[in-house]
Protein backbone atom coordinates (compact mmCIF):
# COMPACT_ATOMS: atom_id res chain seq x y z
CA UNK A 1 -18.05 8.65 -3.34
CA UNK A 2 -21.87 8.30 -3.87
CA UNK A 3 -21.76 10.22 -7.15
CA UNK A 4 -18.71 8.01 -8.36
CA UNK A 5 -20.62 4.83 -7.54
CA UNK A 6 -23.75 5.86 -9.25
CA UNK A 7 -21.81 7.03 -12.38
CA UNK A 8 -19.99 3.77 -12.51
CA UNK A 9 -23.06 1.74 -12.32
CA UNK A 10 -24.73 3.84 -15.08
CA UNK A 11 -21.84 3.90 -17.47
CA UNK A 12 -20.23 0.37 -16.83
CA UNK A 13 -23.26 -1.51 -15.38
CA UNK A 14 -22.80 -4.78 -17.24
CA UNK A 15 -19.01 -4.76 -17.05
CA UNK A 16 -17.47 -7.07 -14.58
CA UNK A 17 -16.04 -5.06 -11.55
CA UNK A 18 -14.65 -7.81 -9.30
CA UNK A 19 -13.60 -11.33 -10.29
CA UNK A 20 -12.26 -14.09 -8.02
CA UNK A 21 -11.73 -17.79 -8.47
CA UNK A 22 -15.42 -18.51 -7.95
CA UNK A 23 -17.31 -15.24 -8.14
CA UNK A 24 -18.01 -12.52 -10.70
CA UNK A 25 -19.68 -9.18 -9.80
CA UNK A 26 -20.71 -6.43 -12.19
CA UNK A 27 -20.63 -2.72 -11.51
CA UNK A 28 -24.49 -2.69 -11.45
CA UNK A 29 -24.62 -5.53 -8.99
CA UNK A 30 -21.96 -3.85 -6.71
CA UNK A 31 -24.01 -0.65 -6.68
CA UNK A 32 -27.13 -2.64 -5.56
CA UNK A 33 -25.21 -4.76 -2.95
CA UNK A 34 -23.52 -1.69 -1.40
CA UNK A 35 -26.79 0.23 -1.37
CA UNK A 36 -28.49 -2.63 0.59
CA UNK A 37 -25.72 -2.76 2.99
CA UNK A 38 -25.63 1.14 3.43
CA UNK A 39 -29.27 0.95 4.36
CA UNK A 40 -28.45 -1.69 7.02
CA UNK A 41 -25.55 0.38 8.33
CA UNK A 42 -27.86 3.36 8.77
CA UNK A 43 -30.28 1.14 10.76
CA UNK A 44 -27.34 0.23 12.92
CA UNK A 45 -26.66 3.80 13.75
CA UNK A 46 -24.07 4.86 11.08
CA UNK A 47 -24.29 8.35 9.57
CA UNK A 48 -22.20 11.31 8.47
CA UNK A 49 -18.86 11.18 10.17
CA UNK A 50 -19.45 7.84 11.99
CA UNK A 51 -16.20 5.92 12.22
CA UNK A 52 -16.80 2.34 10.99
CA UNK A 53 -14.01 -0.12 11.36
CA UNK A 54 -13.91 -2.99 8.75
CA UNK A 55 -11.88 -6.01 8.54
CA UNK A 56 -12.38 -8.16 5.40
CA UNK A 57 -10.34 -10.18 2.96
CA UNK A 58 -9.51 -8.93 -0.57
CA UNK A 59 -12.44 -9.21 -2.82
CA UNK A 60 -16.15 -8.35 -3.34
CA UNK A 61 -17.06 -8.14 0.30
CA UNK A 62 -14.32 -5.67 1.06
CA UNK A 63 -15.41 -3.40 -1.79
CA UNK A 64 -19.09 -3.71 -0.98
CA UNK A 65 -18.36 -2.81 2.73
CA UNK A 66 -16.19 0.12 1.86
CA UNK A 67 -18.67 1.59 -0.72
CA UNK A 68 -21.59 1.11 1.74
CA UNK A 69 -19.77 2.97 4.48
CA UNK A 70 -18.47 5.81 2.37
CA UNK A 71 -21.55 6.52 0.30
CA UNK A 72 -23.56 7.62 3.30
CA UNK A 73 -20.77 9.83 4.57
CA UNK A 74 -19.40 7.57 7.28
CA UNK A 75 -15.65 7.19 7.60
CA UNK A 76 -14.18 3.88 6.59
CA UNK A 77 -11.52 2.62 8.89
CA UNK A 78 -10.06 -0.14 6.64
CA UNK A 79 -7.94 -2.34 9.06
CA UNK A 80 -5.23 -4.62 7.80
CA UNK A 81 -5.86 -8.25 7.78
CA UNK A 82 -2.40 -8.74 9.26
CA UNK A 83 -3.49 -7.18 12.59
CA UNK A 84 -3.14 -9.24 15.67
CA UNK A 85 -6.02 -9.06 18.34
CA UNK A 86 -3.81 -6.75 20.40
CA UNK A 87 -3.13 -4.51 17.31
CA UNK A 88 -6.93 -4.44 16.59
CA UNK A 89 -7.64 -3.24 20.16
CA UNK A 90 -5.07 -0.48 19.64
CA UNK A 91 -6.53 0.83 16.44
CA UNK A 92 -10.14 0.70 17.68
CA UNK A 93 -9.25 2.75 20.65
CA UNK A 94 -6.94 5.13 18.86
CA UNK A 95 -9.49 5.66 16.05
CA UNK A 96 -12.46 6.03 18.30
CA UNK A 97 -14.37 3.49 16.18
CA UNK A 98 -18.11 3.46 16.71
CA UNK A 99 -18.88 0.36 14.69
CA UNK A 100 -16.82 -2.69 13.83
CA UNK A 101 -17.96 -4.88 10.86
CA UNK A 102 -16.31 -8.27 10.28
CA UNK A 103 -17.09 -11.50 8.44
CA UNK A 104 -17.91 -14.77 10.40
CA UNK A 105 -14.38 -16.15 9.65
CA UNK A 106 -11.19 -14.59 8.18
CA UNK A 107 -8.64 -16.97 6.73
CA UNK A 108 -10.21 -19.80 8.75
CA UNK A 109 -10.18 -17.92 12.04
CA UNK A 110 -13.43 -17.30 13.99
CA UNK A 111 -13.89 -13.61 14.15
CA UNK A 112 -16.17 -13.66 17.17
CA UNK A 113 -13.27 -15.24 19.10
CA UNK A 114 -10.81 -12.85 17.45
CA UNK A 115 -12.87 -9.83 18.57
CA UNK A 116 -13.04 -11.23 22.12
CA UNK A 117 -9.29 -11.81 22.14
CA UNK A 118 -8.84 -8.18 21.07
CA UNK A 119 -11.07 -6.94 23.89
CA UNK A 120 -12.94 -9.17 26.51
CA UNK A 121 -16.68 -8.49 25.96
CA UNK A 122 -16.58 -7.87 22.27
CA UNK A 123 -17.20 -11.54 21.43
CA UNK A 124 -20.45 -11.61 23.33
CA UNK A 125 -21.57 -8.36 21.57
CA UNK A 126 -20.70 -9.87 18.22
CA UNK A 127 -22.63 -13.08 19.04
CA UNK A 128 -25.88 -11.36 20.00
CA UNK A 129 -27.24 -8.96 17.28
CA UNK A 130 -28.43 -5.59 18.73
CA UNK A 131 -26.08 -5.72 21.72
CA UNK A 132 -24.74 -2.22 22.66
CA UNK A 133 -21.10 -2.14 23.67
CA UNK A 134 -20.06 0.03 26.52
CA UNK A 135 -16.48 -0.80 27.59
CA UNK A 136 -14.03 1.73 29.10
CA UNK A 137 -11.15 0.12 27.10
CA UNK A 138 -12.85 1.10 23.73
CA UNK A 139 -15.17 3.83 25.05
CA UNK A 140 -16.68 4.96 21.76
CA UNK A 141 -17.42 1.54 20.28
CA UNK A 142 -21.06 0.58 20.28
CA UNK A 143 -21.65 -2.22 17.94
CA UNK A 144 -19.73 -5.20 16.58
CA UNK A 145 -21.53 -6.70 13.61
CA UNK A 146 -20.71 -10.06 12.08
CA UNK A 147 -21.77 -9.72 8.54
CA UNK A 148 -23.24 -13.07 7.45
CA UNK A 149 -24.54 -13.72 3.92
CA UNK A 150 -28.01 -14.50 5.21
CA UNK A 151 -28.13 -11.05 6.91
CA UNK A 152 -29.21 -12.75 10.22
CA UNK A 153 -27.00 -10.49 12.37
CA UNK A 154 -28.22 -7.19 10.81
CA UNK A 155 -31.03 -4.94 11.91
CA UNK A 156 -33.83 -4.19 9.46
CA UNK A 157 -32.63 -1.84 6.72
CA UNK A 158 -33.89 1.73 6.44
CA UNK A 159 -35.82 2.90 3.40
CA UNK A 160 -33.70 3.52 0.24
CA UNK A 161 -35.09 7.07 0.20
CA UNK A 162 -33.28 7.83 3.42
CA UNK A 163 -30.05 6.43 2.05
CA UNK A 164 -30.46 8.59 -1.07
CA UNK A 165 -31.04 11.69 1.04
CA UNK A 166 -28.00 11.10 2.95
CA UNK A 167 -25.85 10.59 -0.16
CA UNK A 168 -26.96 14.08 -1.35
CA UNK A 169 -25.30 15.61 1.69
CA UNK A 170 -21.82 13.97 1.13
CA UNK A 171 -19.27 16.60 0.01
CA UNK A 172 -15.70 16.41 -1.31
CA UNK A 173 -14.60 17.96 1.93
CA UNK A 174 -15.98 15.12 4.07
CA UNK A 175 -13.67 12.55 5.53
CA UNK A 176 -13.66 9.36 3.42
CA UNK A 177 -11.33 7.01 5.21
CA UNK A 178 -8.62 6.64 7.92
CA UNK A 179 -5.75 4.41 6.80
CA UNK A 180 -3.47 3.10 9.45
CA UNK A 181 0.14 2.86 8.53
CA UNK A 182 3.42 2.03 10.20
CA UNK A 183 6.94 2.29 8.86
CA UNK A 184 9.82 0.19 9.99
CA UNK A 185 10.81 2.71 12.61
CA UNK A 186 7.50 4.37 13.86
CA UNK A 187 4.36 3.73 15.68
CA UNK A 188 1.10 3.34 13.53
CA UNK A 189 -0.47 6.57 12.35
CA UNK A 190 -4.07 7.21 11.39
CA UNK A 191 -3.90 8.95 8.09
CA UNK A 192 -7.16 10.83 7.13
CA UNK A 193 -8.18 11.43 3.53
CA UNK A 194 -11.19 13.31 2.27
CA UNK A 195 -13.56 12.21 -0.65
CA UNK A 196 -12.06 14.88 -2.89
CA UNK A 197 -8.46 13.99 -2.30
CA UNK A 198 -8.91 10.29 -2.98
CA UNK A 199 -11.35 10.48 -5.89
CA UNK A 200 -9.40 13.19 -7.70
CA UNK A 201 -6.13 11.28 -7.30
CA UNK A 202 -7.77 8.04 -8.41
CA UNK A 203 -8.93 9.74 -11.60
CA UNK A 204 -5.42 11.27 -12.15
CA UNK A 205 -3.74 7.85 -11.78
CA UNK A 206 -6.25 6.08 -14.07
CA UNK A 207 -5.32 8.62 -16.78
CA UNK A 208 -1.59 8.65 -16.06
CA UNK A 209 -1.49 4.82 -16.42
CA UNK A 210 -3.82 4.63 -19.41
CA UNK A 211 -6.39 2.33 -17.84
CA UNK A 212 -9.45 1.67 -19.96
CA UNK A 213 -12.92 0.17 -19.58
CA UNK A 214 -12.68 -3.64 -19.51
CA UNK A 215 -8.99 -3.74 -18.66
CA UNK A 216 -8.17 -6.53 -16.24
CA UNK A 217 -5.97 -5.58 -13.25
CA UNK A 218 -4.66 -8.26 -11.01
CA UNK A 219 -5.13 -6.59 -7.58
CA UNK A 220 -2.34 -7.99 -5.46
CA UNK A 221 -2.05 -4.74 -3.43
CA UNK A 222 -4.31 -5.00 -0.38
CA UNK A 223 -7.27 -2.54 -0.55
CA UNK A 224 -6.60 -1.67 3.11
CA UNK A 225 -3.40 -0.01 1.86
CA UNK A 226 -3.37 3.16 -0.09
CA UNK A 227 -1.86 1.38 -3.02
CA UNK A 228 -4.77 -1.00 -3.24
CA UNK A 229 -7.41 1.75 -2.60
CA UNK A 230 -6.17 4.71 -4.46
CA UNK A 231 -4.01 3.12 -7.18
CA UNK A 232 -6.33 0.19 -7.97
CA UNK A 233 -9.88 0.30 -6.68
CA UNK A 234 -10.66 3.99 -7.34
CA UNK A 235 -9.12 4.06 -10.93
CA UNK A 236 -11.29 1.01 -11.61
CA UNK A 237 -14.42 2.87 -10.55
CA UNK A 238 -13.44 5.80 -12.69
CA UNK A 239 -12.90 3.99 -16.05
CA UNK A 240 -14.60 0.61 -15.64
CA UNK A 241 -11.58 -1.75 -15.11
CA UNK A 242 -12.07 -5.37 -13.82
CA UNK A 243 -10.37 -6.20 -10.54
CA UNK A 244 -9.10 -9.70 -10.30
CA UNK A 245 -8.67 -10.67 -6.72
CA UNK A 246 -7.52 -13.40 -4.29
CA UNK A 247 -8.55 -13.37 -0.71
CA UNK A 248 -4.89 -13.89 0.24
CA UNK A 249 -2.09 -13.92 -2.25
CA UNK A 250 -0.85 -17.43 -3.16
CA UNK A 251 1.32 -17.72 -6.23
CA UNK A 252 -0.14 -20.96 -7.60
CA UNK A 253 -3.68 -19.69 -7.41
CA UNK A 254 -2.76 -16.34 -8.71
CA UNK A 255 -1.21 -17.88 -11.74
CA UNK A 256 -4.46 -19.87 -12.41
CA UNK A 257 -6.39 -16.63 -12.25
CA UNK A 258 -3.94 -14.72 -14.51
CA UNK A 259 -3.85 -17.48 -17.05
CA UNK A 260 -7.71 -17.61 -17.03
CA UNK A 261 -8.55 -13.86 -17.02
CA UNK A 262 -5.63 -12.35 -18.85
CA UNK A 263 -5.10 -9.02 -16.94
CA UNK A 264 -3.27 -6.29 -18.61
CA UNK A 265 -1.69 -4.94 -15.38
CA UNK A 266 -0.41 -6.14 -12.01
CA UNK A 267 -0.81 -3.92 -8.96
CA UNK A 268 1.41 -5.18 -6.28
CA UNK A 269 4.98 -4.89 -4.71
CA UNK A 270 7.82 -6.07 -6.92
CA UNK A 271 8.20 -9.25 -4.87
CA UNK A 272 4.82 -10.38 -6.12
CA UNK A 273 6.00 -10.64 -9.60
CA UNK A 274 9.12 -12.34 -8.51
CA UNK A 275 7.12 -14.92 -6.62
CA UNK A 276 4.96 -15.54 -9.67
CA UNK A 277 7.98 -16.10 -11.98
CA UNK A 278 9.68 -18.31 -9.29
CA UNK A 279 6.71 -20.68 -8.98
CA UNK A 280 7.44 -24.26 -10.16
CA UNK A 281 4.35 -24.16 -12.53
CA UNK A 282 5.29 -20.95 -14.25
CA UNK A 283 7.37 -22.41 -17.15
CA UNK A 284 4.57 -24.74 -18.28
CA UNK A 285 1.79 -22.02 -18.52
CA UNK A 286 0.54 -19.87 -21.37
CA UNK A 287 0.82 -16.14 -20.60
CA UNK A 288 0.69 -14.88 -24.15
CA UNK A 289 -0.82 -11.40 -24.05
CA UNK A 290 -0.12 -10.83 -20.37
CA UNK A 291 2.38 -7.90 -20.57
CA UNK A 292 3.70 -8.00 -16.97
CA UNK A 293 4.87 -11.68 -17.12
CA UNK A 294 7.72 -12.56 -19.37
CA UNK A 295 7.79 -15.75 -21.55
CA UNK A 296 9.49 -18.60 -19.68
CA UNK A 297 13.26 -18.44 -20.26
CA UNK A 298 13.23 -14.75 -20.99
CA UNK A 299 16.09 -12.97 -19.12
CA UNK A 300 14.94 -10.78 -16.26
CA UNK A 301 14.81 -7.03 -17.07
CA UNK A 302 17.12 -4.67 -15.20
CA UNK A 303 14.55 -3.16 -12.86
CA UNK A 304 16.82 -0.26 -12.03
CA UNK A 305 16.44 0.86 -15.56
CA UNK A 306 12.69 0.67 -15.49
CA UNK A 307 10.27 3.40 -14.43
CA UNK A 308 9.58 3.23 -10.73
CA UNK A 309 7.31 5.48 -8.51
CA UNK A 310 7.51 6.74 -5.04
CA UNK A 311 4.53 7.26 -2.71
CA UNK A 312 3.26 6.87 0.75
CA UNK A 313 -0.17 6.75 2.59
CA UNK A 314 0.11 10.49 3.45
CA UNK A 315 0.21 11.42 -0.23
CA UNK A 316 -2.49 8.99 -1.46
CA UNK A 317 0.12 6.77 -2.93
CA UNK A 318 2.48 7.73 -5.72
CA UNK A 319 3.72 11.39 -5.84
CA UNK A 320 6.20 10.51 -8.65
CA UNK A 321 5.35 8.20 -11.47
CA UNK A 322 5.69 7.89 -15.32
CA UNK A 323 2.78 8.21 -17.63
CA UNK A 324 1.54 5.48 -20.01
CA UNK A 325 4.04 6.36 -22.85
CA UNK A 326 6.98 6.14 -20.48
CA UNK A 327 6.06 3.05 -18.40
CA UNK A 328 7.79 0.55 -20.64
CA UNK A 329 10.73 2.71 -21.76
CA UNK A 330 14.21 1.54 -20.77
CA UNK A 331 15.85 4.50 -18.97
CA UNK A 332 19.28 5.77 -19.82
CA UNK A 333 22.04 4.79 -17.42
CA UNK A 334 22.01 8.35 -16.03
CA UNK A 335 18.61 7.67 -14.62
CA UNK A 336 19.30 4.29 -13.07
CA UNK A 337 17.46 3.82 -9.79
CA UNK A 338 15.42 6.89 -10.16
CA UNK A 339 11.71 7.01 -9.06
CA UNK A 340 10.04 8.86 -11.89
CA UNK A 341 8.90 12.46 -12.67
CA UNK A 342 6.39 14.46 -10.42
CA UNK A 343 2.74 13.29 -10.65
CA UNK A 344 0.80 16.15 -12.30
CA UNK A 345 -0.52 18.81 -9.94
CA UNK A 346 1.61 17.69 -7.03
CA UNK A 347 4.28 20.16 -5.81
CA UNK A 348 7.73 19.10 -4.55
CA UNK A 349 10.63 20.85 -2.94
CA UNK A 350 13.95 19.51 -1.52
CA UNK A 351 14.63 21.13 1.87
CA UNK A 352 17.85 21.27 3.83
CA UNK A 353 17.39 19.15 6.97
CA UNK A 354 18.93 21.87 9.28
CA UNK A 355 17.72 25.18 7.76
CA UNK A 356 14.54 24.15 5.87
CA UNK A 357 15.98 26.26 2.95
CA UNK A 358 14.95 24.96 -0.52
CA UNK A 359 17.85 23.27 -2.23
CA UNK A 360 18.72 23.36 -5.99
CA UNK A 361 18.49 20.39 -8.28
CA UNK A 362 20.99 17.47 -7.78
CA UNK A 363 21.50 18.50 -4.08
CA UNK A 364 20.20 16.03 -1.53
CA UNK A 365 17.83 16.91 1.20
CA UNK A 366 14.35 16.12 2.60
CA UNK A 367 11.52 15.54 0.14
CA UNK A 368 8.65 17.84 0.93
CA UNK A 369 5.28 17.60 -0.72
CA UNK A 370 2.17 19.85 -1.11
CA UNK A 371 -0.84 19.45 -3.38
CA UNK A 372 -4.26 18.06 -3.94
CA UNK A 373 -3.37 14.53 -3.12
CA UNK A 374 -1.92 15.11 0.34
CA UNK A 375 -3.81 13.91 3.34
CA UNK A 376 -6.25 16.08 5.33
CA UNK A 377 -4.19 15.35 8.42
CA UNK A 378 -3.36 12.63 11.00
CA UNK A 379 -5.99 11.56 13.46
CA UNK A 380 -5.50 13.09 16.91
CA UNK A 381 -2.67 15.37 15.75
CA UNK A 382 -3.01 19.08 15.27
CA UNK A 383 -2.25 20.55 11.80
CA UNK A 384 0.92 22.29 13.12
CA UNK A 385 2.38 18.84 14.05
CA UNK A 386 1.80 17.55 10.50
CA UNK A 387 2.43 20.50 8.12
CA UNK A 388 4.83 23.41 8.16
CA UNK A 389 3.64 27.06 8.03
CA UNK A 390 3.49 26.99 4.24
CA UNK A 391 1.52 23.73 4.05
CA UNK A 392 4.40 21.45 3.14
CA UNK A 393 4.47 17.85 4.37
CA UNK A 394 8.00 16.84 5.36
CA UNK A 395 8.19 13.21 4.47
CA UNK A 396 11.43 12.15 6.26
CA UNK A 397 12.57 10.82 2.87
CA UNK A 398 15.99 11.86 1.55
CA UNK A 399 16.36 12.52 -2.05
CA UNK A 400 17.12 14.92 -4.94
CA UNK A 401 15.80 15.80 -8.30
CA UNK A 402 17.86 15.65 -11.53
CA UNK A 403 16.57 16.08 -15.04
CA UNK A 404 13.00 16.16 -13.60
CA UNK A 405 13.36 12.69 -12.00
CA UNK A 406 13.40 12.01 -8.29
CA UNK A 407 16.18 10.01 -6.84
CA UNK A 408 15.21 8.49 -3.48
CA UNK A 409 18.25 7.99 -1.26
CA UNK A 410 16.66 6.61 1.90
CA UNK A 411 14.93 7.56 5.17
CA UNK A 412 16.57 10.34 7.11
CA UNK A 413 16.95 8.03 10.18
CA UNK A 414 18.67 5.39 7.95
CA UNK A 415 21.78 7.56 6.99
CA UNK A 416 25.07 5.76 7.84
CA UNK A 417 27.83 7.87 9.32
CA UNK A 418 31.20 6.35 8.72
CA UNK A 419 34.52 8.17 9.64
CA UNK A 420 32.75 11.58 9.22
CA UNK A 421 31.17 10.65 5.87
CA UNK A 422 27.46 10.26 5.20
CA UNK A 423 26.31 7.27 3.21
CA UNK A 424 22.82 6.97 1.90
CA UNK A 425 21.93 3.26 1.98
CA UNK A 426 19.75 3.53 -1.12
CA UNK A 427 22.68 4.71 -3.28
CA UNK A 428 24.73 1.56 -2.40
CA UNK A 429 21.58 -0.64 -2.81
CA UNK A 430 21.02 0.68 -6.34
CA UNK A 431 24.67 -0.01 -7.28
CA UNK A 432 24.46 -3.64 -5.99
CA UNK A 433 21.10 -4.36 -7.56
CA UNK A 434 22.59 -3.32 -10.98
CA UNK A 435 24.58 -6.59 -10.94
CA UNK A 436 22.46 -9.38 -12.75
CA UNK A 437 23.06 -11.96 -9.89
CA UNK A 438 21.56 -9.69 -7.28
CA UNK A 439 17.74 -9.49 -6.96
CA UNK A 440 17.52 -7.40 -3.79
CA UNK A 441 20.08 -5.52 -1.74
CA UNK A 442 19.62 -3.94 1.76
CA UNK A 443 22.34 -1.82 3.23
CA UNK A 444 22.87 -1.04 6.98
CA UNK A 445 25.34 0.67 9.19
CA UNK A 446 27.20 -1.45 11.71
CA UNK A 447 28.82 -0.11 14.85
CA UNK A 448 32.60 0.25 14.59
CA UNK A 449 34.94 1.52 17.34
CA UNK A 450 37.36 3.39 14.84
CA UNK A 451 34.82 4.77 12.28
CA UNK A 452 31.63 5.03 14.21
CA UNK A 453 29.88 2.77 11.65
CA UNK A 454 30.87 0.82 8.66
CA UNK A 455 28.72 -0.19 5.69
CA UNK A 456 27.39 -3.78 5.44
CA UNK A 457 24.97 -5.32 3.08
CA UNK A 458 22.56 -8.23 2.86
CA UNK A 459 21.76 -9.45 -0.76
CA UNK A 460 19.38 -11.96 -2.21
CA UNK A 461 20.55 -13.77 -5.37
CA UNK A 462 18.46 -13.59 -8.62
CA UNK A 463 16.67 -16.77 -9.45
CA UNK A 464 19.25 -19.48 -10.17
CA UNK A 465 22.18 -17.17 -9.61
CA UNK A 466 25.20 -17.47 -7.31
CA UNK A 467 26.69 -14.51 -5.59
CA UNK A 468 30.60 -14.21 -5.22
CA UNK A 469 30.79 -11.54 -2.48
CA UNK A 470 34.47 -10.78 -3.05
CA UNK A 471 33.82 -10.20 -6.71
CA UNK A 472 30.86 -8.07 -5.99
CA UNK A 473 32.85 -5.91 -3.60
CA UNK A 474 35.53 -5.46 -6.14
CA UNK A 475 33.06 -4.42 -8.94
CA UNK A 476 31.13 -2.05 -6.65
CA UNK A 477 34.48 -0.43 -5.70
CA UNK A 478 34.82 0.85 -9.27
CA UNK A 479 31.43 2.57 -8.96
CA UNK A 480 31.43 4.09 -5.40
CA UNK A 481 33.75 5.97 -3.19
CA UNK A 482 35.78 3.70 -0.91
CA UNK A 483 33.92 4.65 2.25
CA UNK A 484 30.59 3.60 0.59
CA UNK A 485 31.71 0.12 -0.33
CA UNK A 486 30.28 -2.61 2.02
CA UNK A 487 32.92 -3.89 4.34
CA UNK A 488 30.98 -7.21 4.42
CA UNK A 489 28.17 -8.61 2.23
CA UNK A 490 25.94 -11.47 3.52
CA UNK A 491 24.03 -13.64 1.14
CA UNK A 492 20.40 -14.13 2.29
CA UNK A 493 18.09 -16.96 1.56
CA UNK A 494 14.43 -16.23 0.61
CA UNK A 495 13.23 -17.31 4.11
CA UNK A 496 15.60 -14.79 5.61
CA UNK A 497 13.77 -11.81 4.00
CA UNK A 498 10.62 -11.49 6.01
CA UNK A 499 8.06 -8.88 4.90
CA UNK A 500 5.98 -6.40 6.71
CA UNK A 501 2.26 -6.24 6.35
CA UNK A 502 2.70 -3.60 3.68
CA UNK A 503 4.73 -6.12 1.50
CA UNK A 504 7.99 -4.26 2.08
CA UNK A 505 11.06 -6.04 3.29
CA UNK A 506 11.26 -5.84 7.08
CA UNK A 507 14.62 -3.93 7.35
CA UNK A 508 14.86 -4.31 11.18
CA UNK A 509 14.55 -8.06 11.06
CA UNK A 510 17.01 -8.31 8.19
CA UNK A 511 19.49 -6.11 9.81
CA UNK A 512 19.39 -8.51 12.81
CA UNK A 513 19.99 -11.45 10.52
CA UNK A 514 22.94 -9.77 8.82
CA UNK A 515 24.37 -8.87 12.19
CA UNK A 516 24.02 -12.42 13.57
CA UNK A 517 25.66 -13.89 10.29
CA UNK A 518 28.62 -11.46 10.72
CA UNK A 519 28.94 -12.34 14.34
CA UNK A 520 31.40 -10.39 16.53
């Protein structure tokens, strides 16, 4: 990381690195700011391998803090801004954090109070600079530092020469960050990535997507998730892109920024674009030259015939994705719902869930991944718990390859068993989302005395559309085997589709809503 930061400042120094509604920071200024902060972190006790928790909003302060931590060889624990106090205590304890760095306030909430709610005693430590924390509940934590703009809560910085000397000893094999992730069905996991893994994958993705110096990227994917870090921040450092940020996504303010800055790319979940287009002010705005937003009145594209990608925190984000020349190509019907070809230099195999034997193309099994972008491991788990004997990571995703493209059919735990037949929810979701009136489909298994389970679905209408569920069932019957056709379809309003902190639909909550609407 220190080499990447120095190179970016040297080659793109005057280029704007981060832009918000009221701040603009160049690459050169970010290098200087992160160097000053690094010197203060060293004075606070940080060094090679120190685990430093950080909790900041999207924008310059997040980037400055992350770069300061990692350029001295410390490990950045980038905590989600969606964490509750109880969840913060859990990750501080699990991750053995030694320092915690926070702003004075976060989204209007006093962070001293927040820290004290997470663990009694942390508020007092945060309020008094230099206080050493010694609490059995978080036994490795020693400092809570409230990072104020005037620097009042910080110790005196060490000499820049010491920082430079520390930077010389940071290697690609050193740990860069721990990213905490949780799916819809599992406890949070501390995924560990090295400098080499993240920086190489950031370079690969920048080339794959054709980013160039000065390109504006609207960074709607939070930096504390791998999609914001590896797919957005690191490519920008490699090629000199400008990151356009909001502290917290809000569609109206986002449209203001996009209209003013004219970014060429949007990095965010699909629902971000949908929320932008659905905003009442959208039709009256000028987005000429912004390729990811259609002119008002333009029919929505069939997203199932556009290139998608599949990734996860454990693989540094996308492990399948199309290159620049393919990104805008409309796919043939035979590739509907696919998730793109393999990312270069990443290996895949499809394994039988029972025997672990490698399956041929077009046969469904578990997606296994091996390669340069895969995590170093999971915190507090032995290697044998994470990888098999040949180094493959078993993702728990079901899928198959056909014509070089990956088809994702769902999580292994989501498979529906109906009258002895297996139904992959994703297959039914793709069929439903192919209908123009359906924006989103989520498919579940519902207990049934006769069949074990039956297939049911919740669907969200496209903007301004109406869904006739009987007509939808008749049309989908022509595309899928009878046992895959949903026995019931529930139409969901926007406020009935809650999102997880990752931006993904909360399948558990939506399944409960669908069940409640269906009743007994």
